[in-house]
Amino acid sequence: MTNPAANNAALDITPGNIAAAAGLRGMFRSIGGIGSTATIALVLSLFDDKAAAMRYVLLGMSVLVLASLPLVRLMPDRDSRRPASGDAVELPGG
């Protein structure tokens, strides 16, 4: 649900490097998916009770999400070089 908004935010922050931002975002999304799937499989293989293992996995994921929330506050609101949506823009040539 958050992917479209996060993708738009990443592209809006770096309008001059859209291709690089999109490529890096896709790479990190793939690495995250592969890494998390492998980690979940590893944790499940260590437990005989798979339901208890999933509780640990989901608890760990919850802790990671809560720990990353302060990082969201560090993201810039908008690109400081571009005018806000309500600001007047002066075009070249008058």
N, C-alpha and C. Protein backbone atom coordinates (compact mmCIF):
# COMPACT_ATOMS: atom_id res chain seq x y z
N MET A 1 0.82 -1.20 0.00
CA MET A 1 0.00 0.00 0.00
C MET A 1 0.86 1.26 0.00
N THR A 2 2.04 1.20 0.56
CA THR A 2 2.87 2.39 0.65
C THR A 2 3.84 2.53 -0.53
N ASN A 3 3.95 1.51 -1.35
CA ASN A 3 4.92 1.57 -2.45
C ASN A 3 4.69 2.73 -3.41
N PRO A 4 3.47 2.99 -3.89
CA PRO A 4 3.32 4.12 -4.82
C PRO A 4 3.71 5.46 -4.20
N ALA A 5 3.33 5.69 -2.96
CA ALA A 5 3.68 6.96 -2.31
C ALA A 5 5.18 7.07 -2.09
N ALA A 6 5.82 5.99 -1.68
CA ALA A 6 7.26 6.01 -1.46
C ALA A 6 8.00 6.19 -2.78
N ASN A 7 7.50 5.56 -3.84
CA ASN A 7 8.12 5.72 -5.15
C ASN A 7 8.01 7.17 -5.63
N ASN A 8 6.84 7.77 -5.48
CA ASN A 8 6.65 9.17 -5.88
C ASN A 8 7.54 10.09 -5.06
N ALA A 9 7.67 9.83 -3.77
CA ALA A 9 8.52 10.67 -2.92
C ALA A 9 9.98 10.57 -3.34
N ALA A 10 10.44 9.36 -3.64
CA ALA A 10 11.83 9.19 -4.07
C ALA A 10 12.09 9.90 -5.39
N LEU A 11 11.16 9.83 -6.31
CA LEU A 11 11.33 10.47 -7.60
C LEU A 11 11.20 11.98 -7.50
N ASP A 12 10.38 12.46 -6.57
CA ASP A 12 10.18 13.89 -6.39
C ASP A 12 11.40 14.55 -5.75
N ILE A 13 12.12 13.81 -4.93
CA ILE A 13 13.29 14.37 -4.25
C ILE A 13 14.43 14.59 -5.24
N THR A 14 14.55 13.70 -6.22
CA THR A 14 15.66 13.80 -7.18
C THR A 14 15.14 13.91 -8.60
N PRO A 15 14.54 15.04 -8.98
CA PRO A 15 13.96 15.13 -10.33
C PRO A 15 15.00 15.05 -11.44
N GLY A 16 16.24 15.41 -11.18
CA GLY A 16 17.27 15.34 -12.20
C GLY A 16 17.84 13.96 -12.40
N ASN A 17 17.62 13.08 -11.46
CA ASN A 17 18.18 11.72 -11.51
C ASN A 17 17.09 10.68 -11.36
N ILE A 18 16.03 10.82 -12.13
CA ILE A 18 14.87 9.93 -11.98
C ILE A 18 15.26 8.48 -12.28
N ALA A 19 16.05 8.27 -13.32
CA ALA A 19 16.42 6.90 -13.69
C ALA A 19 17.26 6.25 -12.59
N ALA A 20 18.21 6.98 -12.05
CA ALA A 20 19.05 6.43 -10.99
C ALA A 20 18.23 6.15 -9.73
N ALA A 21 17.33 7.08 -9.37
CA ALA A 21 16.51 6.89 -8.17
C ALA A 21 15.59 5.68 -8.34
N ALA A 22 14.98 5.54 -9.50
CA ALA A 22 14.08 4.41 -9.74
C ALA A 22 14.86 3.10 -9.73
N GLY A 23 16.05 3.09 -10.33
CA GLY A 23 16.86 1.88 -10.36
C GLY A 23 17.32 1.46 -8.98
N LEU A 24 17.81 2.43 -8.19
CA LEU A 24 18.25 2.12 -6.83
C LEU A 24 17.09 1.65 -5.97
N ARG A 25 15.94 2.30 -6.12
CA ARG A 25 14.78 1.91 -5.34
C ARG A 25 14.36 0.48 -5.67
N GLY A 26 14.36 0.14 -6.95
CA GLY A 26 14.02 -1.22 -7.35
C GLY A 26 15.01 -2.25 -6.85
N MET A 27 16.30 -1.89 -6.89
CA MET A 27 17.34 -2.80 -6.41
C MET A 27 17.17 -3.07 -4.92
N PHE A 28 16.99 -2.00 -4.13
CA PHE A 28 16.83 -2.18 -2.69
C PHE A 28 15.54 -2.91 -2.34
N ARG A 29 14.48 -2.70 -3.13
CA ARG A 29 13.23 -3.42 -2.89
C ARG A 29 13.44 -4.91 -3.13
N SER A 30 14.16 -5.26 -4.20
CA SER A 30 14.44 -6.67 -4.49
C SER A 30 15.33 -7.29 -3.43
N ILE A 31 16.38 -6.59 -3.03
CA ILE A 31 17.27 -7.10 -1.99
C ILE A 31 16.52 -7.30 -0.68
N GLY A 32 15.66 -6.36 -0.35
CA GLY A 32 14.86 -6.49 0.87
C GLY A 32 13.93 -7.69 0.83
N GLY A 33 13.29 -7.90 -0.31
CA GLY A 33 12.40 -9.05 -0.45
C GLY A 33 13.12 -10.37 -0.35
N ILE A 34 14.27 -10.46 -1.01
CA ILE A 34 15.06 -11.69 -0.98
C ILE A 34 15.62 -11.93 0.43
N GLY A 35 16.15 -10.87 1.03
CA GLY A 35 16.72 -11.02 2.37
C GLY A 35 15.69 -11.38 3.42
N SER A 36 14.53 -10.75 3.35
CA SER A 36 13.51 -11.05 4.36
C SER A 36 12.94 -12.45 4.17
N THR A 37 12.77 -12.88 2.94
CA THR A 37 12.28 -14.24 2.70
C THR A 37 13.28 -15.28 3.21
N ALA A 38 14.57 -15.04 2.96
CA ALA A 38 15.59 -15.97 3.44
C ALA A 38 15.65 -15.98 4.96
N THR A 39 15.51 -14.82 5.58
CA THR A 39 15.54 -14.74 7.04
C THR A 39 14.35 -15.46 7.66
N ILE A 40 13.17 -15.27 7.08
CA ILE A 40 11.98 -15.96 7.59
C ILE A 40 12.15 -17.47 7.45
N ALA A 41 12.66 -17.93 6.31
CA ALA A 41 12.88 -19.37 6.12
C ALA A 41 13.89 -19.91 7.13
N LEU A 42 14.93 -19.13 7.41
CA LEU A 42 15.94 -19.55 8.39
C LEU A 42 15.33 -19.67 9.78
N VAL A 43 14.56 -18.67 10.19
CA VAL A 43 13.95 -18.69 11.53
C VAL A 43 12.97 -19.85 11.63
N LEU A 44 12.18 -20.08 10.60
CA LEU A 44 11.22 -21.19 10.63
C LEU A 44 11.94 -22.54 10.70
N SER A 45 13.11 -22.65 10.10
CA SER A 45 13.83 -23.93 10.13
C SER A 45 14.43 -24.23 11.50
N LEU A 46 14.59 -23.20 12.33
CA LEU A 46 15.19 -23.40 13.65
C LEU A 46 14.18 -23.85 14.71
N PHE A 47 12.89 -23.77 14.41
CA PHE A 47 11.85 -24.10 15.38
C PHE A 47 11.07 -25.32 14.93
N ASP A 48 10.71 -26.15 15.92
CA ASP A 48 9.81 -27.27 15.62
C ASP A 48 8.37 -26.77 15.50
N ASP A 49 8.03 -25.80 16.35
CA ASP A 49 6.68 -25.22 16.34
C ASP A 49 6.69 -24.02 15.40
N LYS A 50 6.17 -24.20 14.20
CA LYS A 50 6.21 -23.14 13.18
C LYS A 50 5.35 -21.94 13.56
N ALA A 51 4.28 -22.16 14.30
CA ALA A 51 3.43 -21.03 14.73
C ALA A 51 4.20 -20.14 15.70
N ALA A 52 4.94 -20.74 16.62
CA ALA A 52 5.75 -19.94 17.55
C ALA A 52 6.84 -19.20 16.79
N ALA A 53 7.42 -19.84 15.78
CA ALA A 53 8.45 -19.19 14.98
C ALA A 53 7.88 -17.98 14.25
N MET A 54 6.68 -18.11 13.71
CA MET A 54 6.06 -16.97 13.01
C MET A 54 5.75 -15.83 13.97
N ARG A 55 5.41 -16.17 15.22
CA ARG A 55 5.20 -15.11 16.21
C ARG A 55 6.49 -14.31 16.41
N TYR A 56 7.63 -15.02 16.50
CA TYR A 56 8.92 -14.34 16.65
C TYR A 56 9.25 -13.50 15.41
N VAL A 57 8.97 -14.05 14.24
CA VAL A 57 9.24 -13.32 13.00
C VAL A 57 8.42 -12.04 12.96
N LEU A 58 7.13 -12.15 13.24
CA LEU A 58 6.27 -10.97 13.18
C LEU A 58 6.61 -9.96 14.28
N LEU A 59 7.01 -10.44 15.43
CA LEU A 59 7.45 -9.54 16.49
C LEU A 59 8.71 -8.79 16.06
N GLY A 60 9.65 -9.51 15.47
CA GLY A 60 10.88 -8.88 14.99
C GLY A 60 10.60 -7.85 13.90
N MET A 61 9.69 -8.17 12.99
CA MET A 61 9.32 -7.21 11.94
C MET A 61 8.66 -5.97 12.53
N SER A 62 7.84 -6.17 13.52
CA SER A 62 7.18 -5.04 14.18
C SER A 62 8.21 -4.12 14.85
N VAL A 63 9.19 -4.72 15.49
CA VAL A 63 10.25 -3.93 16.14
C VAL A 63 11.02 -3.14 15.10
N LEU A 64 11.33 -3.77 13.95
CA LEU A 64 12.05 -3.06 12.89
C LEU A 64 11.26 -1.89 12.34
N VAL A 65 9.97 -2.08 12.16
CA VAL A 65 9.12 -0.99 11.65
C VAL A 65 9.09 0.16 12.65
N LEU A 66 8.89 -0.17 13.92
CA LEU A 66 8.84 0.89 14.94
C LEU A 66 10.19 1.60 15.07
N ALA A 67 11.28 0.85 14.93
CA ALA A 67 12.60 1.47 15.02
C ALA A 67 12.90 2.37 13.83
N SER A 68 12.30 2.09 12.68
CA SER A 68 12.56 2.90 11.49
C SER A 68 11.67 4.13 11.40
N LEU A 69 10.65 4.22 12.21
CA LEU A 69 9.75 5.38 12.15
C LEU A 69 10.46 6.72 12.38
N PRO A 70 11.42 6.82 13.29
CA PRO A 70 12.11 8.12 13.42
C PRO A 70 12.85 8.54 12.15
N LEU A 71 13.26 7.58 11.34
CA LEU A 71 13.93 7.92 10.09
C LEU A 71 13.00 8.63 9.11
N VAL A 72 11.72 8.36 9.23
CA VAL A 72 10.75 9.02 8.35
C VAL A 72 10.76 10.52 8.59
N ARG A 73 10.99 10.93 9.81
CA ARG A 73 11.03 12.37 10.12
C ARG A 73 12.21 13.07 9.46
N LEU A 74 13.24 12.31 9.07
CA LEU A 74 14.41 12.90 8.44
C LEU A 74 14.22 13.14 6.95
N MET A 75 13.18 12.57 6.37
CA MET A 75 12.93 12.75 4.94
C MET A 75 12.48 14.18 4.68
N PRO A 76 13.01 14.80 3.63
CA PRO A 76 12.58 16.17 3.33
C PRO A 76 11.13 16.20 2.86
N ASP A 77 10.46 17.31 3.17
CA ASP A 77 9.07 17.48 2.76
C ASP A 77 8.93 17.57 1.24
N ARG A 78 9.78 18.39 0.64
CA ARG A 78 9.77 18.53 -0.81
C ARG A 78 11.13 19.04 -1.23
N ASP A 79 11.38 19.02 -2.50
CA ASP A 79 12.65 19.50 -3.03
C ASP A 79 12.71 21.01 -2.85
N SER A 80 13.74 21.51 -2.17
CA SER A 80 13.83 22.93 -1.87
C SER A 80 14.11 23.78 -3.11
N ARG A 81 14.55 23.15 -4.19
CA ARG A 81 14.84 23.91 -5.41
C ARG A 81 13.59 24.18 -6.22
N ARG A 82 12.52 23.43 -5.98
CA ARG A 82 11.30 23.61 -6.76
C ARG A 82 10.30 24.42 -5.97
N PRO A 83 9.48 25.22 -6.64
CA PRO A 83 8.47 26.00 -5.93
C PRO A 83 7.36 25.10 -5.41
N ALA A 84 6.73 25.54 -4.35
CA ALA A 84 5.57 24.80 -3.82
C ALA A 84 4.45 24.89 -4.84
N SER A 85 3.46 24.04 -4.71
CA SER A 85 2.40 23.98 -5.73
C SER A 85 1.61 25.28 -5.83
N GLY A 86 1.54 26.07 -4.78
CA GLY A 86 0.77 27.31 -4.84
C GLY A 86 1.61 28.52 -5.19
N ASP A 87 2.94 28.36 -5.29
CA ASP A 87 3.82 29.49 -5.58
C ASP A 87 3.79 29.85 -7.06
N ALA A 88 3.97 31.13 -7.34
CA ALA A 88 4.03 31.58 -8.73
C ALA A 88 5.39 31.21 -9.32
N VAL A 89 5.38 30.83 -10.56
CA VAL A 89 6.61 30.46 -11.25
C VAL A 89 6.86 31.48 -12.34
N GLU A 90 8.07 32.06 -12.35
CA GLU A 90 8.40 33.02 -13.38
C GLU A 90 9.06 32.28 -14.54
N LEU A 91 8.47 32.42 -15.72
CA LEU A 91 8.99 31.76 -16.90
C LEU A 91 10.03 32.62 -17.58
N PRO A 92 11.03 31.99 -18.23
CA PRO A 92 12.03 32.80 -18.93
C PRO A 92 11.39 33.61 -20.05
N GLY A 93 11.86 34.81 -20.24
CA GLY A 93 11.36 35.66 -21.31
C GLY A 93 10.14 36.48 -20.90
N GLY A 94 9.83 36.49 -19.63
CA GLY A 94 8.75 37.38 -19.20
C GLY A 94 7.55 36.68 -18.86
